Amino acid sequence: MCVYGPIDTGKTTLVDCIKYPLGLPVEWRQVPSERLTSVTVHLRIEGMRIALRRSTVAGTGTVELISPYDGKSRRTSRRHRAAGQRPARCR
């Protein structure tokens, strides 16, 4: 993927909106952080459709797996988080 264009047209914000729901850290610029409450990315991997959502509200770093069809949350079990296990990350 290549994103190019003039200065201040949203290229960095677009890339940040892809990285953030994948669980990667993002330094939001002033404007998006004031307007965004969550970021959702829809992916197709080997024919399987998935959607990931992550809130931009301070203190909430949980990535939710949601249905790409109806938008309903398919949260991971708290049992895994309580046991200290980390969810798998895309690399």
PDB file of N, CA and C in Angstrom:
ATOM      1  N   MET A   1       0.842  -1.162   0.000  1.00  0.00           N
ATOM      2  CA  MET A   1       0.000   0.000   0.000  1.00  0.00           C
ATOM      3  C   MET A   1       0.894   1.233   0.000  1.00  0.00           C
ATOM      4  N   CYS A   2       0.498   2.220  -0.741  1.00  0.00           N
ATOM      5  CA  CYS A   2       1.223   3.484  -0.793  1.00  0.00           C
ATOM      6  C   CYS A   2       0.220   4.617  -0.631  1.00  0.00           C
ATOM      7  N   VAL A   3       0.537   5.539   0.262  1.00  0.00           N
ATOM      8  CA  VAL A   3      -0.315   6.706   0.472  1.00  0.00           C
ATOM      9  C   VAL A   3       0.537   7.936   0.188  1.00  0.00           C
ATOM     10  N   TYR A   4       0.112   8.728  -0.764  1.00  0.00           N
ATOM     11  CA  TYR A   4       0.870   9.931  -1.070  1.00  0.00           C
ATOM     12  C   TYR A   4      -0.087  11.057  -1.382  1.00  0.00           C
ATOM     13  N   GLY A   5       0.409  12.282  -1.214  1.00  0.00           N
ATOM     14  CA  GLY A   5      -0.390  13.465  -1.489  1.00  0.00           C
ATOM     15  C   GLY A   5       0.240  14.685  -0.861  1.00  0.00           C
ATOM     16  N   PRO A   6      -0.374  15.834  -1.050  1.00  0.00           N
ATOM     17  CA  PRO A   6       0.160  17.082  -0.506  1.00  0.00           C
ATOM     18  C   PRO A   6       0.177  17.075   1.029  1.00  0.00           C
ATOM     19  N   ILE A   7       0.929  18.003   1.592  1.00  0.00           N
ATOM     20  CA  ILE A   7       1.021  18.162   3.045  1.00  0.00           C
ATOM     21  C   ILE A   7      -0.356  18.497   3.621  1.00  0.00           C
ATOM     22  N   ASP A   8      -0.634  17.946   4.820  1.00  0.00           N
ATOM     23  CA  ASP A   8      -1.875  18.212   5.575  1.00  0.00           C
ATOM     24  C   ASP A   8      -3.147  17.777   4.839  1.00  0.00           C
ATOM     25  N   THR A   9      -3.101  16.618   4.200  1.00  0.00           N
ATOM     26  CA  THR A   9      -4.307  16.099   3.550  1.00  0.00           C
ATOM     27  C   THR A   9      -4.834  14.839   4.231  1.00  0.00           C
ATOM     28  N   GLY A  10      -4.201  14.416   5.350  1.00  0.00           N
ATOM     29  CA  GLY A  10      -4.715  13.284   6.115  1.00  0.00           C
ATOM     30  C   GLY A  10      -4.013  11.958   5.923  1.00  0.00           C
ATOM     31  N   LYS A  11      -2.854  11.960   5.283  1.00  0.00           N
ATOM     32  CA  LYS A  11      -2.141  10.689   5.045  1.00  0.00           C
ATOM     33  C   LYS A  11      -1.756  10.008   6.351  1.00  0.00           C
ATOM     34  N   THR A  12      -1.161  10.744   7.270  1.00  0.00           N
ATOM     35  CA  THR A  12      -0.749  10.169   8.550  1.00  0.00           C
ATOM     36  C   THR A  12      -1.955   9.711   9.349  1.00  0.00           C
ATOM     37  N   THR A  13      -3.017  10.485   9.349  1.00  0.00           N
ATOM     38  CA  THR A  13      -4.233  10.108  10.067  1.00  0.00           C
ATOM     39  C   THR A  13      -4.817   8.823   9.499  1.00  0.00           C
ATOM     40  N   LEU A  14      -4.806   8.666   8.204  1.00  0.00           N
ATOM     41  CA  LEU A  14      -5.305   7.447   7.581  1.00  0.00           C
ATOM     42  C   LEU A  14      -4.497   6.235   8.038  1.00  0.00           C
ATOM     43  N   VAL A  15      -3.179   6.338   7.994  1.00  0.00           N
ATOM     44  CA  VAL A  15      -2.323   5.225   8.420  1.00  0.00           C
ATOM     45  C   VAL A  15      -2.519   4.943   9.907  1.00  0.00           C
ATOM     46  N   ASP A  16      -2.634   5.992  10.728  1.00  0.00           N
ATOM     47  CA  ASP A  16      -2.871   5.809  12.164  1.00  0.00           C
ATOM     48  C   ASP A  16      -4.197   5.095  12.424  1.00  0.00           C
ATOM     49  N   CYS A  17      -5.212   5.398  11.620  1.00  0.00           N
ATOM     50  CA  CYS A  17      -6.524   4.752  11.778  1.00  0.00           C
ATOM     51  C   CYS A  17      -6.485   3.273  11.387  1.00  0.00           C
ATOM     52  N   ILE A  18      -5.507   2.861  10.631  1.00  0.00           N
ATOM     53  CA  ILE A  18      -5.321   1.446  10.310  1.00  0.00           C
ATOM     54  C   ILE A  18      -4.513   0.768  11.410  1.00  0.00           C
ATOM     55  N   LYS A  19      -3.452   1.426  11.885  1.00  0.00           N
ATOM     56  CA  LYS A  19      -2.581   0.850  12.913  1.00  0.00           C
ATOM     57  C   LYS A  19      -3.274   0.704  14.264  1.00  0.00           C
ATOM     58  N   TYR A  20      -4.037   1.709  14.681  1.00  0.00           N
ATOM     59  CA  TYR A  20      -4.586   1.762  16.036  1.00  0.00           C
ATOM     60  C   TYR A  20      -5.469   0.569  16.402  1.00  0.00           C
ATOM     61  N   PRO A  21      -6.473   0.193  15.598  1.00  0.00           N
ATOM     62  CA  PRO A  21      -7.291  -0.961  15.984  1.00  0.00           C
ATOM     63  C   PRO A  21      -6.544  -2.293  15.930  1.00  0.00           C
ATOM     64  N   LEU A  22      -5.361  -2.300  15.333  1.00  0.00           N
ATOM     65  CA  LEU A  22      -4.539  -3.516  15.346  1.00  0.00           C
ATOM     66  C   LEU A  22      -3.742  -3.632  16.637  1.00  0.00           C
ATOM     67  N   GLY A  23      -3.908  -2.644  17.540  1.00  0.00           N
ATOM     68  CA  GLY A  23      -3.250  -2.679  18.838  1.00  0.00           C
ATOM     69  C   GLY A  23      -1.917  -1.956  18.881  1.00  0.00           C
ATOM     70  N   LEU A  24      -1.567  -1.275  17.814  1.00  0.00           N
ATOM     71  CA  LEU A  24      -0.293  -0.558  17.759  1.00  0.00           C
ATOM     72  C   LEU A  24      -0.436   0.831  18.376  1.00  0.00           C
ATOM     73  N   PRO A  25       0.637   1.344  19.003  1.00  0.00           N
ATOM     74  CA  PRO A  25       0.556   2.678  19.601  1.00  0.00           C
ATOM     75  C   PRO A  25       0.511   3.755  18.519  1.00  0.00           C
ATOM     76  N   VAL A  26      -0.239   4.809  18.806  1.00  0.00           N
ATOM     77  CA  VAL A  26      -0.382   5.921  17.861  1.00  0.00           C
ATOM     78  C   VAL A  26      -0.321   7.231  18.641  1.00  0.00           C
ATOM     79  N   GLU A  27       0.407   8.194  18.116  1.00  0.00           N
ATOM     80  CA  GLU A  27       0.439   9.543  18.684  1.00  0.00           C
ATOM     81  C   GLU A  27      -0.565  10.375  17.888  1.00  0.00           C
ATOM     82  N   TRP A  28      -1.811  10.445  18.387  1.00  0.00           N
ATOM     83  CA  TRP A  28      -2.844  11.173  17.655  1.00  0.00           C
ATOM     84  C   TRP A  28      -2.516  12.651  17.597  1.00  0.00           C
ATOM     85  N   ARG A  29      -2.746  13.223  16.444  1.00  0.00           N
ATOM     86  CA  ARG A  29      -2.628  14.671  16.304  1.00  0.00           C
ATOM     87  C   ARG A  29      -3.819  15.309  16.998  1.00  0.00           C
ATOM     88  N   GLN A  30      -3.759  16.595  17.214  1.00  0.00           N
ATOM     89  CA  GLN A  30      -4.779  17.304  17.979  1.00  0.00           C
ATOM     90  C   GLN A  30      -6.190  17.129  17.411  1.00  0.00           C
ATOM     91  N   VAL A  31      -6.370  17.332  16.135  1.00  0.00           N
ATOM     92  CA  VAL A  31      -7.721  17.306  15.557  1.00  0.00           C
ATOM     93  C   VAL A  31      -8.390  15.934  15.671  1.00  0.00           C
ATOM     94  N   PRO A  32      -7.744  14.819  15.247  1.00  0.00           N
ATOM     95  CA  PRO A  32      -8.434  13.537  15.374  1.00  0.00           C
ATOM     96  C   PRO A  32      -8.743  13.157  16.818  1.00  0.00           C
ATOM     97  N   SER A  33      -7.849  13.469  17.752  1.00  0.00           N
ATOM     98  CA  SER A  33      -8.089  13.069  19.135  1.00  0.00           C
ATOM     99  C   SER A  33      -9.289  13.800  19.737  1.00  0.00           C
ATOM    100  N   GLU A  34      -9.623  14.960  19.211  1.00  0.00           N
ATOM    101  CA  GLU A  34     -10.776  15.703  19.702  1.00  0.00           C
ATOM    102  C   GLU A  34     -12.086  15.184  19.118  1.00  0.00           C
ATOM    103  N   ARG A  35     -12.037  14.561  17.951  1.00  0.00           N
ATOM    104  CA  ARG A  35     -13.258  14.139  17.262  1.00  0.00           C
ATOM    105  C   ARG A  35     -13.527  12.647  17.290  1.00  0.00           C
ATOM    106  N   LEU A  36     -12.498  11.826  17.421  1.00  0.00           N
ATOM    107  CA  LEU A  36     -12.676  10.374  17.368  1.00  0.00           C
ATOM    108  C   LEU A  36     -12.995   9.796  18.743  1.00  0.00           C
ATOM    109  N   THR A  37     -13.957   8.888  18.803  1.00  0.00           N
ATOM    110  CA  THR A  37     -14.227   8.167  20.044  1.00  0.00           C
ATOM    111  C   THR A  37     -13.797   6.711  19.929  1.00  0.00           C
ATOM    112  N   SER A  38     -13.747   6.188  18.704  1.00  0.00           N
ATOM    113  CA  SER A  38     -13.246   4.833  18.463  1.00  0.00           C
ATOM    114  C   SER A  38     -12.846   4.715  16.999  1.00  0.00           C
ATOM    115  N   VAL A  39     -12.033   3.692  16.726  1.00  0.00           N
ATOM    116  CA  VAL A  39     -11.587   3.439  15.360  1.00  0.00           C
ATOM    117  C   VAL A  39     -11.871   1.977  15.041  1.00  0.00           C
ATOM    118  N   THR A  40     -12.475   1.724  13.890  1.00  0.00           N
ATOM    119  CA  THR A  40     -12.799   0.375  13.453  1.00  0.00           C
ATOM    120  C   THR A  40     -12.138   0.119  12.105  1.00  0.00           C
ATOM    121  N   VAL A  41     -11.540  -1.056  11.965  1.00  0.00           N
ATOM    122  CA  VAL A  41     -10.956  -1.443  10.688  1.00  0.00           C
ATOM    123  C   VAL A  41     -11.573  -2.777  10.272  1.00  0.00           C
ATOM    124  N   HIS A  42     -11.980  -2.875   9.013  1.00  0.00           N
ATOM    125  CA  HIS A  42     -12.541  -4.107   8.454  1.00  0.00           C
ATOM    126  C   HIS A  42     -11.468  -4.741   7.579  1.00  0.00           C
ATOM    127  N   LEU A  43     -11.208  -6.021   7.818  1.00  0.00           N
ATOM    128  CA  LEU A  43     -10.155  -6.731   7.103  1.00  0.00           C
ATOM    129  C   LEU A  43     -10.705  -7.983   6.434  1.00  0.00           C
ATOM    130  N   ARG A  44     -10.067  -8.371   5.360  1.00  0.00           N
ATOM    131  CA  ARG A  44     -10.358  -9.653   4.720  1.00  0.00           C
ATOM    132  C   ARG A  44      -9.035 -10.395   4.624  1.00  0.00           C
ATOM    133  N   ILE A  45      -8.947 -11.525   5.332  1.00  0.00           N
ATOM    134  CA  ILE A  45      -7.726 -12.314   5.369  1.00  0.00           C
ATOM    135  C   ILE A  45      -8.056 -13.708   4.863  1.00  0.00           C
ATOM    136  N   GLU A  46      -7.487 -14.070   3.717  1.00  0.00           N
ATOM    137  CA  GLU A  46      -7.739 -15.363   3.082  1.00  0.00           C
ATOM    138  C   GLU A  46      -9.237 -15.671   3.004  1.00  0.00           C
ATOM    139  N   GLY A  47     -10.015 -14.671   2.617  1.00  0.00           N
ATOM    140  CA  GLY A  47     -11.445 -14.847   2.438  1.00  0.00           C
ATOM    141  C   GLY A  47     -12.280 -14.665   3.703  1.00  0.00           C
ATOM    142  N   MET A  48     -11.650 -14.622   4.879  1.00  0.00           N
ATOM    143  CA  MET A  48     -12.380 -14.446   6.133  1.00  0.00           C
ATOM    144  C   MET A  48     -12.488 -12.953   6.438  1.00  0.00           C
ATOM    145  N   ARG A  49     -13.707 -12.506   6.707  1.00  0.00           N
ATOM    146  CA  ARG A  49     -13.935 -11.103   7.026  1.00  0.00           C
ATOM    147  C   ARG A  49     -13.947 -10.917   8.530  1.00  0.00           C
ATOM    148  N   ILE A  50     -13.155  -9.949   9.022  1.00  0.00           N
ATOM    149  CA  ILE A  50     -13.165  -9.612  10.440  1.00  0.00           C
ATOM    150  C   ILE A  50     -13.162  -8.096  10.579  1.00  0.00           C
ATOM    151  N   ALA A  51     -13.567  -7.629  11.745  1.00  0.00           N
ATOM    152  CA  ALA A  51     -13.525  -6.206  12.048  1.00  0.00           C
ATOM    153  C   ALA A  51     -12.992  -6.044  13.466  1.00  0.00           C
ATOM    154  N   LEU A  52     -12.123  -5.059  13.648  1.00  0.00           N
ATOM    155  CA  LEU A  52     -11.538  -4.765  14.948  1.00  0.00           C
ATOM    156  C   LEU A  52     -11.866  -3.328  15.312  1.00  0.00           C
ATOM    157  N   ARG A  53     -12.223  -3.110  16.602  1.00  0.00           N
ATOM    158  CA  ARG A  53     -12.552  -1.754  17.059  1.00  0.00           C
ATOM    159  C   ARG A  53     -11.760  -1.473  18.333  1.00  0.00           C
ATOM    160  N   ARG A  54     -11.260  -0.248  18.450  1.00  0.00           N
ATOM    161  CA  ARG A  54     -10.534   0.170  19.649  1.00  0.00           C
ATOM    162  C   ARG A  54     -10.951   1.588  20.000  1.00  0.00           C
ATOM    163  N   SER A  55     -11.294   1.796  21.267  1.00  0.00           N
ATOM    164  CA  SER A  55     -11.710   3.109  21.743  1.00  0.00           C
ATOM    165  C   SER A  55     -10.507   4.041  21.829  1.00  0.00           C
ATOM    166  N   THR A  56     -10.734   5.320  21.570  1.00  0.00           N
ATOM    167  CA  THR A  56      -9.679   6.320  21.716  1.00  0.00           C
ATOM    168  C   THR A  56      -9.772   7.034  23.053  1.00  0.00           C
ATOM    169  N   VAL A  57     -10.765   6.673  23.873  1.00  0.00           N
ATOM    170  CA  VAL A  57     -10.930   7.289  25.188  1.00  0.00           C
ATOM    171  C   VAL A  57      -9.747   6.884  26.066  1.00  0.00           C
ATOM    172  N   ALA A  58      -9.181   7.844  26.792  1.00  0.00           N
ATOM    173  CA  ALA A  58      -7.994   7.586  27.626  1.00  0.00           C
ATOM    174  C   ALA A  58      -8.244   6.441  28.596  1.00  0.00           C
ATOM    175  N   GLY A  59      -7.245   5.575  28.722  1.00  0.00           N
ATOM    176  CA  GLY A  59      -7.315   4.467  29.666  1.00  0.00           C
ATOM    177  C   GLY A  59      -7.972   3.211  29.129  1.00  0.00           C
ATOM    178  N   THR A  60      -8.456   3.229  27.903  1.00  0.00           N
ATOM    179  CA  THR A  60      -9.072   2.037  27.319  1.00  0.00           C
ATOM    180  C   THR A  60      -8.265   1.625  26.108  1.00  0.00           C
ATOM    181  N   GLY A  61      -7.494   0.564  26.261  1.00  0.00           N
ATOM    182  CA  GLY A  61      -6.656   0.110  25.162  1.00  0.00           C
ATOM    183  C   GLY A  61      -7.082  -1.221  24.604  1.00  0.00           C
ATOM    184  N   THR A  62      -8.273  -1.689  24.994  1.00  0.00           N
ATOM    185  CA  THR A  62      -8.744  -2.996  24.572  1.00  0.00           C
ATOM    186  C   THR A  62      -9.172  -2.984  23.112  1.00  0.00           C
ATOM    187  N   VAL A  63      -8.718  -3.981  22.371  1.00  0.00           N
ATOM    188  CA  VAL A  63      -9.149  -4.163  20.989  1.00  0.00           C
ATOM    189  C   VAL A  63     -10.297  -5.157  20.996  1.00  0.00           C
ATOM    190  N   GLU A  64     -11.424  -4.774  20.401  1.00  0.00           N
ATOM    191  CA  GLU A  64     -12.595  -5.646  20.331  1.00  0.00           C
ATOM    192  C   GLU A  64     -12.671  -6.295  18.956  1.00  0.00           C
ATOM    193  N   LEU A  65     -12.996  -7.571  18.942  1.00  0.00           N
ATOM    194  CA  LEU A  65     -13.322  -8.256  17.703  1.00  0.00           C
ATOM    195  C   LEU A  65     -14.819  -8.090  17.528  1.00  0.00           C
ATOM    196  N   ILE A  66     -15.228  -7.474  16.430  1.00  0.00           N
ATOM    197  CA  ILE A  66     -16.656  -7.258  16.193  1.00  0.00           C
ATOM    198  C   ILE A  66     -17.063  -7.921  14.885  1.00  0.00           C
ATOM    199  N   SER A  67     -18.348  -8.173  14.780  1.00  0.00           N
ATOM    200  CA  SER A  67     -18.856  -8.778  13.560  1.00  0.00           C
ATOM    201  C   SER A  67     -18.799  -7.764  12.425  1.00  0.00           C
ATOM    202  N   PRO A  68     -18.226  -8.128  11.283  1.00  0.00           N
ATOM    203  CA  PRO A  68     -18.214  -7.201  10.153  1.00  0.00           C
ATOM    204  C   PRO A  68     -19.603  -7.074   9.521  1.00  0.00           C
ATOM    205  N   TYR A  69     -20.528  -7.908   9.941  1.00  0.00           N
ATOM    206  CA  TYR A  69     -21.870  -7.918   9.354  1.00  0.00           C
ATOM    207  C   TYR A  69     -22.856  -7.066  10.143  1.00  0.00           C
ATOM    208  N   ASP A  70     -22.835  -7.167  11.489  1.00  0.00           N
ATOM    209  CA  ASP A  70     -23.807  -6.423  12.284  1.00  0.00           C
ATOM    210  C   ASP A  70     -23.178  -5.460  13.285  1.00  0.00           C
ATOM    211  N   GLY A  71     -21.845  -5.435  13.396  1.00  0.00           N
ATOM    212  CA  GLY A  71     -21.164  -4.502  14.283  1.00  0.00           C
ATOM    213  C   GLY A  71     -21.215  -4.857  15.754  1.00  0.00           C
ATOM    214  N   LYS A  72     -21.750  -6.035  16.083  1.00  0.00           N
ATOM    215  CA  LYS A  72     -21.838  -6.431  17.488  1.00  0.00           C
ATOM    216  C   LYS A  72     -20.502  -6.943  17.988  1.00  0.00           C
ATOM    217  N   SER A  73     -20.207  -6.637  19.245  1.00  0.00           N
ATOM    218  CA  SER A  73     -18.933  -6.998  19.844  1.00  0.00           C
ATOM    219  C   SER A  73     -18.836  -8.489  20.102  1.00  0.00           C
ATOM    220  N   ARG A  74     -17.655  -9.033  19.862  1.00  0.00           N
ATOM    221  CA  ARG A  74     -17.340 -10.425  20.169  1.00  0.00           C
ATOM    222  C   ARG A  74     -16.125 -10.384  21.087  1.00  0.00           C
ATOM    223  N   ARG A  75     -16.311  -9.833  22.282  1.00  0.00           N
ATOM    224  CA  ARG A  75     -15.197  -9.616  23.206  1.00  0.00           C
ATOM    225  C   ARG A  75     -14.517 -10.913  23.575  1.00  0.00           C
ATOM    226  N   THR A  76     -13.200 -10.801  23.802  1.00  0.00           N
ATOM    227  CA  THR A  76     -12.448 -11.955  24.262  1.00  0.00           C
ATOM    228  C   THR A  76     -12.738 -12.169  25.738  1.00  0.00           C
ATOM    229  N   SER A  77     -12.538 -13.369  26.195  1.00  0.00           N
ATOM    230  CA  SER A  77     -12.812 -13.721  27.578  1.00  0.00           C
ATOM    231  C   SER A  77     -11.911 -12.956  28.541  1.00  0.00           C
ATOM    232  N   ARG A  78     -12.484 -12.460  29.625  1.00  0.00           N
ATOM    233  CA  ARG A  78     -11.696 -11.795  30.666  1.00  0.00           C
ATOM    234  C   ARG A  78     -10.787 -12.800  31.358  1.00  0.00           C
ATOM    235  N   ARG A  79     -11.133 -14.066  31.291  1.00  0.00           N
ATOM    236  CA  ARG A  79     -10.332 -15.120  31.908  1.00  0.00           C
ATOM    237  C   ARG A  79      -8.910 -15.087  31.367  1.00  0.00           C
ATOM    238  N   HIS A  80      -8.750 -14.869  30.063  1.00  0.00           N
ATOM    239  CA  HIS A  80      -7.413 -14.815  29.477  1.00  0.00           C
ATOM    240  C   HIS A  80      -6.629 -13.615  29.989  1.00  0.00           C
ATOM    241  N   ARG A  81      -7.301 -12.472  30.127  1.00  0.00           N
ATOM    242  CA  ARG A  81      -6.615 -11.292  30.635  1.00  0.00           C
ATOM    243  C   ARG A  81      -6.252 -11.483  32.101  1.00  0.00           C
ATOM    244  N   ALA A  82      -7.134 -12.102  32.892  1.00  0.00           N
ATOM    245  CA  ALA A  82      -6.871 -12.317  34.311  1.00  0.00           C
ATOM    246  C   ALA A  82      -5.690 -13.256  34.517  1.00  0.00           C
ATOM    247  N   ALA A  83      -5.518 -14.195  33.615  1.00  0.00           N
ATOM    248  CA  ALA A  83      -4.416 -15.165  33.726  1.00  0.00           C
ATOM    249  C   ALA A  83      -3.105 -14.575  33.220  1.00  0.00           C
ATOM    250  N   GLY A  84      -3.146 -13.320  32.784  1.00  0.00           N
ATOM    251  CA  GLY A  84      -1.926 -12.679  32.302  1.00  0.00           C
ATOM    252  C   GLY A  84      -1.561 -13.013  30.881  1.00  0.00           C
ATOM    253  N   GLN A  85      -2.459 -13.679  30.172  1.00  0.00           N
ATOM    254  CA  GLN A  85      -2.185 -14.030  28.782  1.00  0.00           C
ATOM    255  C   GLN A  85      -2.488 -12.834  27.900  1.00  0.00           C
ATOM    256  N   ARG A  86      -1.665 -12.654  26.910  1.00  0.00           N
ATOM    257  CA  ARG A  86      -1.876 -11.552  25.971  1.00  0.00           C
ATOM    258  C   ARG A  86      -2.521 -12.094  24.715  1.00  0.00           C
ATOM    259  N   PRO A  87      -3.442 -11.322  24.133  1.00  0.00           N
ATOM    260  CA  PRO A  87      -4.047 -11.768  22.884  1.00  0.00           C
ATOM    261  C   PRO A  87      -3.015 -11.806  21.763  1.00  0.00           C
ATOM    262  N   ALA A  88      -3.283 -12.625  20.768  1.00  0.00           N
ATOM    263  CA  ALA A  88      -2.380 -12.708  19.619  1.00  0.00           C
ATOM    264  C   ALA A  88      -2.373 -11.382  18.889  1.00  0.00           C
ATOM    265  N   ARG A  89      -1.218 -10.998  18.345  1.00  0.00           N
ATOM    266  CA  ARG A  89      -1.098  -9.748  17.612  1.00  0.00           C
ATOM    267  C   ARG A  89      -0.819 -10.045  16.152  1.00  0.00           C
ATOM    268  N   CYS A  90      -1.305  -9.182  15.305  1.00  0.00           N
ATOM    269  CA  CYS A  90      -0.975  -9.288  13.889  1.00  0.00           C
ATOM    270  C   CYS A  90       0.441  -8.783  13.711  1.00  0.00           C
ATOM    271  N   ARG A  91       1.232  -9.462  12.917  1.00  0.00           N
ATOM    272  CA  ARG A  91       2.616  -9.026  12.669  1.00  0.00           C
ATOM    273  C   ARG A  91       2.825  -8.854  11.197  1.00  0.00           C
TER     274      ARG A  91
END
